Amino acid sequence: MEQKPKLLYEDIYGLFEFRGIKQGKIAEVMKMSYNNWYKTKQNHLRNLSLNEIGELAMFLDLPPEQVFSLCFAVYKRAYLEEQNMPLPEPSKA
């Protein structure tokens, strides 16, 4: 039976932390001012454009689909917290 590899990060913030990427560099790569990046983070990445996700994917050298998925994980977690729903348990594989 084949085991899935354990994820090192569950969302895009985990990836930034894992790779040691500074927030200012992320804002620069996505062609945003630092203030706009901060506001976007406060909104749980709600208003990111596909172009910004594409720029970030090129910088991280990952497929855009994976970067979108990691960004969506941030938004989904915030949405579930707002709805007072239980958060999904991280896989212990």
PDB file of N, CA and C in Angstrom:
ATOM      1  N   MET A   1       0.845  -1.182   0.000  1.00  0.00           N
ATOM      2  CA  MET A   1       0.000   0.000   0.000  1.00  0.00           C
ATOM      3  C   MET A   1       0.890   1.245   0.000  1.00  0.00           C
ATOM      4  N   GLU A   2       0.565   2.177  -0.852  1.00  0.00           N
ATOM      5  CA  GLU A   2       1.366   3.379  -0.993  1.00  0.00           C
ATOM      6  C   GLU A   2       0.886   4.451  -0.016  1.00  0.00           C
ATOM      7  N   GLN A   3       1.833   5.056   0.711  1.00  0.00           N
ATOM      8  CA  GLN A   3       1.478   6.107   1.660  1.00  0.00           C
ATOM      9  C   GLN A   3       1.683   7.466   1.007  1.00  0.00           C
ATOM     10  N   LYS A   4       0.784   8.385   1.332  1.00  0.00           N
ATOM     11  CA  LYS A   4       0.940   9.745   0.844  1.00  0.00           C
ATOM     12  C   LYS A   4       2.014  10.431   1.683  1.00  0.00           C
ATOM     13  N   PRO A   5       2.832  11.282   1.059  1.00  0.00           N
ATOM     14  CA  PRO A   5       3.833  11.998   1.845  1.00  0.00           C
ATOM     15  C   PRO A   5       3.162  13.011   2.770  1.00  0.00           C
ATOM     16  N   LYS A   6       3.727  13.195   3.942  1.00  0.00           N
ATOM     17  CA  LYS A   6       3.184  14.148   4.905  1.00  0.00           C
ATOM     18  C   LYS A   6       3.476  15.567   4.415  1.00  0.00           C
ATOM     19  N   LEU A   7       2.472  16.419   4.450  1.00  0.00           N
ATOM     20  CA  LEU A   7       2.652  17.803   4.027  1.00  0.00           C
ATOM     21  C   LEU A   7       3.473  18.565   5.056  1.00  0.00           C
ATOM     22  N   LEU A   8       4.363  19.398   4.572  1.00  0.00           N
ATOM     23  CA  LEU A   8       5.157  20.230   5.461  1.00  0.00           C
ATOM     24  C   LEU A   8       4.421  21.514   5.823  1.00  0.00           C
ATOM     25  N   TYR A   9       3.392  21.848   5.063  1.00  0.00           N
ATOM     26  CA  TYR A   9       2.624  23.066   5.286  1.00  0.00           C
ATOM     27  C   TYR A   9       1.206  22.824   4.807  1.00  0.00           C
ATOM     28  N   GLU A  10       0.262  23.487   5.458  1.00  0.00           N
ATOM     29  CA  GLU A  10      -1.150  23.299   5.131  1.00  0.00           C
ATOM     30  C   GLU A  10      -1.742  24.471   4.365  1.00  0.00           C
ATOM     31  N   ASP A  11      -1.049  25.606   4.392  1.00  0.00           N
ATOM     32  CA  ASP A  11      -1.530  26.765   3.648  1.00  0.00           C
ATOM     33  C   ASP A  11      -0.330  27.568   3.163  1.00  0.00           C
ATOM     34  N   ILE A  12      -0.600  28.656   2.480  1.00  0.00           N
ATOM     35  CA  ILE A  12       0.470  29.439   1.872  1.00  0.00           C
ATOM     36  C   ILE A  12       1.363  30.081   2.931  1.00  0.00           C
ATOM     37  N   TYR A  13       0.795  30.442   4.084  1.00  0.00           N
ATOM     38  CA  TYR A  13       1.616  31.020   5.146  1.00  0.00           C
ATOM     39  C   TYR A  13       2.615  30.002   5.675  1.00  0.00           C
ATOM     40  N   GLY A  14       2.197  28.752   5.772  1.00  0.00           N
ATOM     41  CA  GLY A  14       3.104  27.688   6.193  1.00  0.00           C
ATOM     42  C   GLY A  14       4.253  27.512   5.213  1.00  0.00           C
ATOM     43  N   LEU A  15       3.956  27.645   3.925  1.00  0.00           N
ATOM     44  CA  LEU A  15       4.997  27.550   2.901  1.00  0.00           C
ATOM     45  C   LEU A  15       5.983  28.702   3.036  1.00  0.00           C
ATOM     46  N   PHE A  16       5.469  29.922   3.249  1.00  0.00           N
ATOM     47  CA  PHE A  16       6.353  31.075   3.424  1.00  0.00           C
ATOM     48  C   PHE A  16       7.269  30.862   4.626  1.00  0.00           C
ATOM     49  N   GLU A  17       6.697  30.390   5.715  1.00  0.00           N
ATOM     50  CA  GLU A  17       7.478  30.153   6.927  1.00  0.00           C
ATOM     51  C   GLU A  17       8.515  29.054   6.694  1.00  0.00           C
ATOM     52  N   PHE A  18       8.109  27.979   6.037  1.00  0.00           N
ATOM     53  CA  PHE A  18       9.008  26.858   5.771  1.00  0.00           C
ATOM     54  C   PHE A  18      10.200  27.295   4.923  1.00  0.00           C
ATOM     55  N   ARG A  19       9.934  28.117   3.925  1.00  0.00           N
ATOM     56  CA  ARG A  19      11.009  28.577   3.039  1.00  0.00           C
ATOM     57  C   ARG A  19      11.721  29.821   3.557  1.00  0.00           C
ATOM     58  N   GLY A  20      11.213  30.423   4.621  1.00  0.00           N
ATOM     59  CA  GLY A  20      11.845  31.611   5.190  1.00  0.00           C
ATOM     60  C   GLY A  20      11.686  32.849   4.324  1.00  0.00           C
ATOM     61  N   ILE A  21      10.557  32.968   3.653  1.00  0.00           N
ATOM     62  CA  ILE A  21      10.314  34.098   2.756  1.00  0.00           C
ATOM     63  C   ILE A  21       9.683  35.239   3.551  1.00  0.00           C
ATOM     64  N   LYS A  22      10.247  36.422   3.411  1.00  0.00           N
ATOM     65  CA  LYS A  22       9.748  37.603   4.117  1.00  0.00           C
ATOM     66  C   LYS A  22       8.504  38.159   3.428  1.00  0.00           C
ATOM     67  N   GLN A  23       7.625  38.772   4.222  1.00  0.00           N
ATOM     68  CA  GLN A  23       6.368  39.314   3.707  1.00  0.00           C
ATOM     69  C   GLN A  23       6.601  40.420   2.682  1.00  0.00           C
ATOM     70  N   GLY A  24       7.634  41.224   2.887  1.00  0.00           N
ATOM     71  CA  GLY A  24       7.941  42.292   1.932  1.00  0.00           C
ATOM     72  C   GLY A  24       8.287  41.750   0.556  1.00  0.00           C
ATOM     73  N   LYS A  25       8.986  40.632   0.524  1.00  0.00           N
ATOM     74  CA  LYS A  25       9.345  40.002  -0.752  1.00  0.00           C
ATOM     75  C   LYS A  25       8.099  39.474  -1.461  1.00  0.00           C
ATOM     76  N   ILE A  26       7.169  38.920  -0.692  1.00  0.00           N
ATOM     77  CA  ILE A  26       5.919  38.425  -1.275  1.00  0.00           C
ATOM     78  C   ILE A  26       5.147  39.579  -1.909  1.00  0.00           C
ATOM     79  N   ALA A  27       5.051  40.694  -1.203  1.00  0.00           N
ATOM     80  CA  ALA A  27       4.350  41.863  -1.748  1.00  0.00           C
ATOM     81  C   ALA A  27       5.020  42.331  -3.036  1.00  0.00           C
ATOM     82  N   GLU A  28       6.346  42.346  -3.052  1.00  0.00           N
ATOM     83  CA  GLU A  28       7.091  42.775  -4.238  1.00  0.00           C
ATOM     84  C   GLU A  28       6.831  41.844  -5.424  1.00  0.00           C
ATOM     85  N   VAL A  29       6.867  40.550  -5.175  1.00  0.00           N
ATOM     86  CA  VAL A  29       6.659  39.560  -6.234  1.00  0.00           C
ATOM     87  C   VAL A  29       5.259  39.682  -6.820  1.00  0.00           C
ATOM     88  N   MET A  30       4.275  39.932  -5.968  1.00  0.00           N
ATOM     89  CA  MET A  30       2.888  40.026  -6.422  1.00  0.00           C
ATOM     90  C   MET A  30       2.553  41.416  -6.955  1.00  0.00           C
ATOM     91  N   LYS A  31       3.567  42.287  -7.011  1.00  0.00           N
ATOM     92  CA  LYS A  31       3.424  43.648  -7.536  1.00  0.00           C
ATOM     93  C   LYS A  31       2.371  44.440  -6.772  1.00  0.00           C
ATOM     94  N   MET A  32       2.442  44.339  -5.440  1.00  0.00           N
ATOM     95  CA  MET A  32       1.548  45.083  -4.546  1.00  0.00           C
ATOM     96  C   MET A  32       2.411  45.941  -3.633  1.00  0.00           C
ATOM     97  N   SER A  33       1.818  46.978  -3.096  1.00  0.00           N
ATOM     98  CA  SER A  33       2.510  47.694  -2.034  1.00  0.00           C
ATOM     99  C   SER A  33       2.417  46.840  -0.769  1.00  0.00           C
ATOM    100  N   TYR A  34       3.308  47.100   0.169  1.00  0.00           N
ATOM    101  CA  TYR A  34       3.272  46.327   1.412  1.00  0.00           C
ATOM    102  C   TYR A  34       1.945  46.544   2.129  1.00  0.00           C
ATOM    103  N   ASN A  35       1.411  47.779   2.077  1.00  0.00           N
ATOM    104  CA  ASN A  35       0.122  48.056   2.724  1.00  0.00           C
ATOM    105  C   ASN A  35      -1.003  47.237   2.108  1.00  0.00           C
ATOM    106  N   ASN A  36      -1.008  47.107   0.777  1.00  0.00           N
ATOM    107  CA  ASN A  36      -2.046  46.294   0.124  1.00  0.00           C
ATOM    108  C   ASN A  36      -1.903  44.827   0.491  1.00  0.00           C
ATOM    109  N   TRP A  37      -0.665  44.335   0.584  1.00  0.00           N
ATOM    110  CA  TRP A  37      -0.451  42.937   0.979  1.00  0.00           C
ATOM    111  C   TRP A  37      -0.970  42.720   2.404  1.00  0.00           C
ATOM    112  N   TYR A  38      -0.697  43.677   3.293  1.00  0.00           N
ATOM    113  CA  TYR A  38      -1.158  43.568   4.675  1.00  0.00           C
ATOM    114  C   TYR A  38      -2.690  43.532   4.730  1.00  0.00           C
ATOM    115  N   LYS A  39      -3.344  44.396   3.958  1.00  0.00           N
ATOM    116  CA  LYS A  39      -4.813  44.410   3.921  1.00  0.00           C
ATOM    117  C   LYS A  39      -5.357  43.109   3.335  1.00  0.00           C
ATOM    118  N   THR A  40      -4.683  42.585   2.316  1.00  0.00           N
ATOM    119  CA  THR A  40      -5.099  41.316   1.715  1.00  0.00           C
ATOM    120  C   THR A  40      -4.986  40.193   2.729  1.00  0.00           C
ATOM    121  N   LYS A  41      -3.914  40.205   3.513  1.00  0.00           N
ATOM    122  CA  LYS A  41      -3.757  39.192   4.564  1.00  0.00           C
ATOM    123  C   LYS A  41      -4.870  39.312   5.595  1.00  0.00           C
ATOM    124  N   GLN A  42      -5.231  40.537   5.970  1.00  0.00           N
ATOM    125  CA  GLN A  42      -6.306  40.739   6.936  1.00  0.00           C
ATOM    126  C   GLN A  42      -7.633  40.209   6.405  1.00  0.00           C
ATOM    127  N   ASN A  43      -7.825  40.268   5.090  1.00  0.00           N
ATOM    128  CA  ASN A  43      -9.043  39.746   4.456  1.00  0.00           C
ATOM    129  C   ASN A  43      -8.907  38.277   4.094  1.00  0.00           C
ATOM    130  N   HIS A  44      -7.896  37.616   4.629  1.00  0.00           N
ATOM    131  CA  HIS A  44      -7.674  36.179   4.421  1.00  0.00           C
ATOM    132  C   HIS A  44      -7.515  35.843   2.944  1.00  0.00           C
ATOM    133  N   LEU A  45      -6.780  36.687   2.234  1.00  0.00           N
ATOM    134  CA  LEU A  45      -6.451  36.494   0.814  1.00  0.00           C
ATOM    135  C   LEU A  45      -7.693  36.451  -0.069  1.00  0.00           C
ATOM    136  N   ARG A  46      -8.742  37.112   0.369  1.00  0.00           N
ATOM    137  CA  ARG A  46     -10.028  37.042  -0.326  1.00  0.00           C
ATOM    138  C   ARG A  46      -9.996  37.637  -1.729  1.00  0.00           C
ATOM    139  N   ASN A  47      -9.278  38.717  -1.941  1.00  0.00           N
ATOM    140  CA  ASN A  47      -9.349  39.426  -3.222  1.00  0.00           C
ATOM    141  C   ASN A  47      -8.113  39.250  -4.095  1.00  0.00           C
ATOM    142  N   LEU A  48      -7.418  38.143  -3.963  1.00  0.00           N
ATOM    143  CA  LEU A  48      -6.267  37.903  -4.832  1.00  0.00           C
ATOM    144  C   LEU A  48      -6.745  37.641  -6.254  1.00  0.00           C
ATOM    145  N   SER A  49      -6.033  38.193  -7.209  1.00  0.00           N
ATOM    146  CA  SER A  49      -6.382  37.939  -8.611  1.00  0.00           C
ATOM    147  C   SER A  49      -5.595  36.728  -9.117  1.00  0.00           C
ATOM    148  N   LEU A  50      -6.059  36.174 -10.210  1.00  0.00           N
ATOM    149  CA  LEU A  50      -5.348  35.051 -10.818  1.00  0.00           C
ATOM    150  C   LEU A  50      -3.961  35.478 -11.286  1.00  0.00           C
ATOM    151  N   ASN A  51      -3.844  36.730 -11.718  1.00  0.00           N
ATOM    152  CA  ASN A  51      -2.547  37.242 -12.139  1.00  0.00           C
ATOM    153  C   ASN A  51      -1.568  37.261 -10.960  1.00  0.00           C
ATOM    154  N   GLU A  52      -2.027  37.719  -9.804  1.00  0.00           N
ATOM    155  CA  GLU A  52      -1.167  37.757  -8.611  1.00  0.00           C
ATOM    156  C   GLU A  52      -0.777  36.352  -8.171  1.00  0.00           C
ATOM    157  N   ILE A  53      -1.708  35.430  -8.248  1.00  0.00           N
ATOM    158  CA  ILE A  53      -1.402  34.040  -7.896  1.00  0.00           C
ATOM    159  C   ILE A  53      -0.397  33.466  -8.895  1.00  0.00           C
ATOM    160  N   GLY A  54      -0.542  33.810 -10.166  1.00  0.00           N
ATOM    161  CA  GLY A  54       0.409  33.363 -11.183  1.00  0.00           C
ATOM    162  C   GLY A  54       1.807  33.899 -10.942  1.00  0.00           C
ATOM    163  N   GLU A  55       1.904  35.178 -10.569  1.00  0.00           N
ATOM    164  CA  GLU A  55       3.209  35.773 -10.256  1.00  0.00           C
ATOM    165  C   GLU A  55       3.850  35.065  -9.066  1.00  0.00           C
ATOM    166  N   LEU A  56       3.050  34.799  -8.063  1.00  0.00           N
ATOM    167  CA  LEU A  56       3.551  34.111  -6.876  1.00  0.00           C
ATOM    168  C   LEU A  56       3.990  32.691  -7.219  1.00  0.00           C
ATOM    169  N   ALA A  57       3.238  32.020  -8.072  1.00  0.00           N
ATOM    170  CA  ALA A  57       3.585  30.656  -8.483  1.00  0.00           C
ATOM    171  C   ALA A  57       4.921  30.632  -9.222  1.00  0.00           C
ATOM    172  N   MET A  58       5.144  31.611 -10.098  1.00  0.00           N
ATOM    173  CA  MET A  58       6.428  31.665 -10.807  1.00  0.00           C
ATOM    174  C   MET A  58       7.572  31.882  -9.831  1.00  0.00           C
ATOM    175  N   PHE A  59       7.380  32.768  -8.854  1.00  0.00           N
ATOM    176  CA  PHE A  59       8.420  33.033  -7.859  1.00  0.00           C
ATOM    177  C   PHE A  59       8.713  31.795  -7.019  1.00  0.00           C
ATOM    178  N   LEU A  60       7.661  31.087  -6.612  1.00  0.00           N
ATOM    179  CA  LEU A  60       7.829  29.904  -5.764  1.00  0.00           C
ATOM    180  C   LEU A  60       8.220  28.661  -6.560  1.00  0.00           C
ATOM    181  N   ASP A  61       8.168  28.769  -7.888  1.00  0.00           N
ATOM    182  CA  ASP A  61       8.472  27.650  -8.782  1.00  0.00           C
ATOM    183  C   ASP A  61       7.555  26.464  -8.505  1.00  0.00           C
ATOM    184  N   LEU A  62       6.271  26.778  -8.375  1.00  0.00           N
ATOM    185  CA  LEU A  62       5.229  25.775  -8.151  1.00  0.00           C
ATOM    186  C   LEU A  62       4.143  25.956  -9.204  1.00  0.00           C
ATOM    187  N   PRO A  63       3.353  24.920  -9.459  1.00  0.00           N
ATOM    188  CA  PRO A  63       2.226  25.086 -10.384  1.00  0.00           C
ATOM    189  C   PRO A  63       1.202  26.075  -9.810  1.00  0.00           C
ATOM    190  N   PRO A  64       0.609  26.914 -10.657  1.00  0.00           N
ATOM    191  CA  PRO A  64      -0.389  27.872 -10.168  1.00  0.00           C
ATOM    192  C   PRO A  64      -1.543  27.204  -9.430  1.00  0.00           C
ATOM    193  N   GLU A  65      -1.910  26.000  -9.839  1.00  0.00           N
ATOM    194  CA  GLU A  65      -3.006  25.288  -9.179  1.00  0.00           C
ATOM    195  C   GLU A  65      -2.675  25.007  -7.716  1.00  0.00           C
ATOM    196  N   GLN A  66      -1.426  24.641  -7.449  1.00  0.00           N
ATOM    197  CA  GLN A  66      -1.022  24.348  -6.074  1.00  0.00           C
ATOM    198  C   GLN A  66      -0.999  25.623  -5.232  1.00  0.00           C
ATOM    199  N   VAL A  67      -0.502  26.710  -5.802  1.00  0.00           N
ATOM    200  CA  VAL A  67      -0.476  27.984  -5.081  1.00  0.00           C
ATOM    201  C   VAL A  67      -1.904  28.449  -4.803  1.00  0.00           C
ATOM    202  N   PHE A  68      -2.791  28.320  -5.790  1.00  0.00           N
ATOM    203  CA  PHE A  68      -4.198  28.674  -5.585  1.00  0.00           C
ATOM    204  C   PHE A  68      -4.789  27.850  -4.449  1.00  0.00           C
ATOM    205  N   SER A  69      -4.503  26.564  -4.438  1.00  0.00           N
ATOM    206  CA  SER A  69      -5.024  25.675  -3.404  1.00  0.00           C
ATOM    207  C   SER A  69      -4.525  26.083  -2.018  1.00  0.00           C
ATOM    208  N   LEU A  70      -3.254  26.450  -1.922  1.00  0.00           N
ATOM    209  CA  LEU A  70      -2.695  26.872  -0.633  1.00  0.00           C
ATOM    210  C   LEU A  70      -3.298  28.202  -0.180  1.00  0.00           C
ATOM    211  N   CYS A  71      -3.547  29.109  -1.118  1.00  0.00           N
ATOM    212  CA  CYS A  71      -4.197  30.383  -0.779  1.00  0.00           C
ATOM    213  C   CYS A  71      -5.650  30.148  -0.374  1.00  0.00           C
ATOM    214  N   PHE A  72      -6.320  29.248  -1.077  1.00  0.00           N
ATOM    215  CA  PHE A  72      -7.712  28.943  -0.760  1.00  0.00           C
ATOM    216  C   PHE A  72      -7.827  28.332   0.635  1.00  0.00           C
ATOM    217  N   ALA A  73      -6.811  27.587   1.070  1.00  0.00           N
ATOM    218  CA  ALA A  73      -6.831  26.994   2.411  1.00  0.00           C
ATOM    219  C   ALA A  73      -6.893  28.076   3.484  1.00  0.00           C
ATOM    220  N   VAL A  74      -6.214  29.199   3.263  1.00  0.00           N
ATOM    221  CA  VAL A  74      -6.264  30.325   4.208  1.00  0.00           C
ATOM    222  C   VAL A  74      -7.684  30.883   4.260  1.00  0.00           C
ATOM    223  N   TYR A  75      -8.261  31.118   3.079  1.00  0.00           N
ATOM    224  CA  TYR A  75      -9.614  31.668   3.003  1.00  0.00           C
ATOM    225  C   TYR A  75     -10.631  30.715   3.622  1.00  0.00           C
ATOM    226  N   LYS A  76     -10.506  29.436   3.319  1.00  0.00           N
ATOM    227  CA  LYS A  76     -11.466  28.447   3.816  1.00  0.00           C
ATOM    228  C   LYS A  76     -11.407  28.337   5.335  1.00  0.00           C
ATOM    229  N   ARG A  77     -10.203  28.342   5.895  1.00  0.00           N
ATOM    230  CA  ARG A  77     -10.065  28.268   7.345  1.00  0.00           C
ATOM    231  C   ARG A  77     -10.739  29.471   8.006  1.00  0.00           C
ATOM    232  N   ALA A  78     -10.537  30.662   7.451  1.00  0.00           N
ATOM    233  CA  ALA A  78     -11.157  31.865   8.011  1.00  0.00           C
ATOM    234  C   ALA A  78     -12.675  31.805   7.884  1.00  0.00           C
ATOM    235  N   TYR A  79     -13.159  31.314   6.753  1.00  0.00           N
ATOM    236  CA  TYR A  79     -14.602  31.193   6.546  1.00  0.00           C
ATOM    237  C   TYR A  79     -15.214  30.244   7.568  1.00  0.00           C
ATOM    238  N   LEU A  80     -14.567  29.111   7.795  1.00  0.00           N
ATOM    239  CA  LEU A  80     -15.084  28.145   8.764  1.00  0.00           C
ATOM    240  C   LEU A  80     -15.065  28.716  10.184  1.00  0.00           C
ATOM    241  N   GLU A  81     -14.032  29.480  10.506  1.00  0.00           N
ATOM    242  CA  GLU A  81     -13.979  30.111  11.827  1.00  0.00           C
ATOM    243  C   GLU A  81     -15.111  31.116  11.992  1.00  0.00           C
ATOM    244  N   GLU A  82     -15.397  31.878  10.935  1.00  0.00           N
ATOM    245  CA  GLU A  82     -16.495  32.846  10.992  1.00  0.00           C
ATOM    246  C   GLU A  82     -17.840  32.158  11.158  1.00  0.00           C
ATOM    247  N   GLN A  83     -17.997  31.001  10.579  1.00  0.00           N
ATOM    248  CA  GLN A  83     -19.245  30.252  10.665  1.00  0.00           C
ATOM    249  C   GLN A  83     -19.329  29.420  11.942  1.00  0.00           C
ATOM    250  N   ASN A  84     -18.290  29.485  12.770  1.00  0.00           N
ATOM    251  CA  ASN A  84     -18.202  28.706  14.011  1.00  0.00           C
ATOM    252  C   ASN A  84     -18.340  27.212  13.763  1.00  0.00           C
ATOM    253  N   MET A  85     -17.779  26.783  12.671  1.00  0.00           N
ATOM    254  CA  MET A  85     -17.789  25.361  12.353  1.00  0.00           C
ATOM    255  C   MET A  85     -16.485  24.749  12.867  1.00  0.00           C
ATOM    256  N   PRO A  86     -16.512  23.481  13.218  1.00  0.00           N
ATOM    257  CA  PRO A  86     -15.261  22.853  13.646  1.00  0.00           C
ATOM    258  C   PRO A  86     -14.284  22.769  12.479  1.00  0.00           C
ATOM    259  N   LEU A  87     -13.022  23.062  12.762  1.00  0.00           N
ATOM    260  CA  LEU A  87     -11.995  23.000  11.737  1.00  0.00           C
ATOM    261  C   LEU A  87     -11.634  21.550  11.453  1.00  0.00           C
ATOM    262  N   PRO A  88     -11.306  21.237  10.210  1.00  0.00           N
ATOM    263  CA  PRO A  88     -10.902  19.863   9.912  1.00  0.00           C
ATOM    264  C   PRO A  88      -9.596  19.527  10.623  1.00  0.00           C
ATOM    265  N   GLU A  89      -9.516  18.299  11.098  1.00  0.00           N
ATOM    266  CA  GLU A  89      -8.308  17.845  11.784  1.00  0.00           C
ATOM    267  C   GLU A  89      -7.199  17.629  10.763  1.00  0.00           C
ATOM    268  N   PRO A  90      -5.976  18.083  11.092  1.00  0.00           N
ATOM    269  CA  PRO A  90      -4.863  17.812  10.176  1.00  0.00           C
ATOM    270  C   PRO A  90      -4.605  16.315  10.098  1.00  0.00           C
ATOM    271  N   SER A  91      -4.214  15.854   8.927  1.00  0.00           N
ATOM    272  CA  SER A  91      -3.950  14.422   8.760  1.00  0.00           C
ATOM    273  C   SER A  91      -2.723  14.027   9.567  1.00  0.00           C
ATOM    274  N   LYS A  92      -2.786  12.876  10.184  1.00  0.00           N
ATOM    275  CA  LYS A  92      -1.694  12.409  11.034  1.00  0.00           C
ATOM    276  C   LYS A  92      -0.910  11.293  10.352  1.00  0.00           C
ATOM    277  N   ALA A  93      -0.947  11.287   9.042  1.00  0.00           N
ATOM    278  CA  ALA A  93      -0.262  10.226   8.290  1.00  0.00           C
ATOM    279  C   ALA A  93       1.228  10.384   8.316  1.00  0.00           C
TER     280      ALA A  93
END
